[in-house]
Amino acid sequence: MNILPETLEDKFKIVVHTNHRIEDIKTITLTDPSRIVLDLYDVKSGRKGQQTKIQVKSRWVTNVRYLAYPEKVRVVLDTKTEFLNAFTTESLDDRLIVLVGSDIKTP
């Protein structure tokens, strides 16, 4: 598993690269501090029990963190309250794409 963040002109994007389609994704949003949490089941990371933090510079997301558990990988996007309902996920054959931005509405 590999996570690549990218700040675009009108949104923030992360791509979670895996060797298969991620079918089981649970998302929640939390406040105080504001964050988007994605639990990715049946995904393995070589960094079990170790939190990895990726610092980013965007107006939508300030940090991306992930931690591997035996049954899942948890990905956390530190954001602002106004973007808690402004994200989407799309699972493809070998990656998961997450977009966060002002013009995006969470389904």
Protein backbone atom coordinates (compact mmCIF):
# COMPACT_ATOMS: atom_id res chain seq x y z
CA MET A 1 0.00 0.00 0.00
CA ASN A 2 1.21 3.46 -0.85
CA ILE A 3 -0.49 6.84 -0.34
CA LEU A 4 0.21 9.77 -2.65
CA PRO A 5 -1.27 13.20 -1.80
CA GLU A 6 -1.71 15.94 -4.38
CA THR A 7 -3.02 19.49 -4.05
CA LEU A 8 -4.90 20.54 -7.17
CA GLU A 9 -6.23 23.97 -8.09
CA ASP A 10 -9.75 23.39 -6.76
CA LYS A 11 -9.43 20.31 -4.51
CA PHE A 12 -7.15 17.97 -2.61
CA LYS A 13 -6.60 14.42 -3.81
CA ILE A 14 -5.06 11.33 -2.29
CA VAL A 15 -4.53 8.09 -4.12
CA VAL A 16 -4.19 4.93 -2.05
CA HIS A 17 -2.37 2.41 -4.25
CA THR A 18 -3.04 -1.26 -3.52
CA ASN A 19 -2.79 -4.52 -5.44
CA HIS A 20 -6.59 -4.97 -5.59
CA ARG A 21 -9.88 -3.08 -5.56
CA ILE A 22 -10.87 -1.92 -2.07
CA GLU A 23 -14.46 -3.11 -1.65
CA ASP A 24 -15.04 -2.53 2.07
CA ILE A 25 -14.63 1.13 3.07
CA LYS A 26 -16.18 2.75 6.13
CA THR A 27 -16.07 6.54 6.41
CA ILE A 28 -16.84 8.75 9.38
CA THR A 29 -16.29 12.39 10.15
CA LEU A 30 -15.22 13.69 13.54
CA THR A 31 -14.96 17.15 15.04
CA ASP A 32 -12.69 18.74 17.61
CA PRO A 33 -10.42 18.50 15.71
CA SER A 34 -12.12 18.11 12.33
CA ARG A 35 -11.09 15.03 10.41
CA ILE A 36 -12.29 12.57 7.81
CA VAL A 37 -11.62 8.95 8.76
CA LEU A 38 -11.54 6.11 6.23
CA ASP A 39 -11.28 2.52 7.43
CA LEU A 40 -10.03 0.34 4.57
CA TYR A 41 -10.68 -3.35 5.22
CA ASP A 42 -8.67 -6.17 3.65
CA VAL A 43 -5.79 -3.79 2.97
CA LYS A 44 -2.30 -4.55 4.23
CA SER A 45 0.50 -2.15 5.07
CA GLY A 46 4.08 -2.99 5.93
CA ARG A 47 3.93 -0.46 8.77
CA LYS A 48 1.71 -2.32 11.26
CA GLY A 49 1.25 -0.50 14.55
CA GLN A 50 3.21 2.50 13.33
CA GLN A 51 1.42 5.75 12.47
CA THR A 52 2.71 7.43 9.34
CA LYS A 53 2.07 11.15 8.90
CA ILE A 54 2.25 12.99 5.60
CA GLN A 55 2.26 16.75 5.98
CA VAL A 56 0.55 18.59 3.14
CA LYS A 57 -0.13 22.19 2.28
CA SER A 58 -3.63 22.81 1.03
CA ARG A 59 -6.64 24.79 2.13
CA TRP A 60 -8.67 21.56 2.42
CA VAL A 61 -6.35 19.11 4.20
CA THR A 62 -3.36 19.80 6.46
CA ASN A 63 -2.19 16.26 7.25
CA VAL A 64 -2.77 12.73 6.06
CA ARG A 65 -2.14 10.02 8.64
CA TYR A 66 -2.51 6.28 8.45
CA LEU A 67 -2.11 3.36 10.80
CA ALA A 68 -2.32 -0.36 10.01
CA TYR A 69 -4.37 -2.66 12.21
CA PRO A 70 -4.64 -6.44 11.74
CA GLU A 71 -8.03 -6.15 9.98
CA LYS A 72 -7.79 -2.71 8.34
CA VAL A 73 -5.79 0.39 7.52
CA ARG A 74 -7.17 3.63 8.96
CA VAL A 75 -6.53 6.78 6.91
CA VAL A 76 -7.20 10.14 8.59
CA LEU A 77 -7.42 13.46 6.76
CA ASP A 78 -7.06 16.46 9.06
CA THR A 79 -9.35 19.14 7.65
CA LYS A 80 -11.64 22.03 8.56
CA THR A 81 -15.26 21.72 9.70
CA GLU A 82 -16.52 23.22 6.44
CA PHE A 83 -15.06 20.30 4.45
CA LEU A 84 -16.41 17.43 6.57
CA ASN A 85 -19.19 16.88 4.00
CA ALA A 86 -17.12 17.84 0.98
CA PHE A 87 -15.37 14.62 0.02
CA THR A 88 -15.85 11.58 -2.22
CA THR A 89 -14.20 8.20 -2.59
CA GLU A 90 -13.86 6.10 -5.73
CA SER A 91 -12.50 2.57 -5.70
CA LEU A 92 -10.77 1.38 -8.88
CA ASP A 93 -8.97 -1.87 -9.72
CA ASP A 94 -5.72 -1.09 -7.91
CA ARG A 95 -6.33 2.19 -6.09
CA LEU A 96 -8.72 4.31 -4.07
CA ILE A 97 -9.12 7.98 -4.98
CA VAL A 98 -10.28 10.43 -2.31
CA LEU A 99 -11.17 14.02 -3.25
CA VAL A 100 -11.78 16.86 -0.79
CA GLY A 101 -12.88 20.30 -1.97
CA SER A 102 -15.33 23.16 -1.67
CA ASP A 103 -17.43 22.06 -4.66
CA ILE A 104 -17.58 18.37 -3.73
CA LYS A 105 -20.61 16.95 -1.92
CA THR A 106 -20.43 13.73 0.06
CA PRO A 107 -23.08 11.32 -1.26
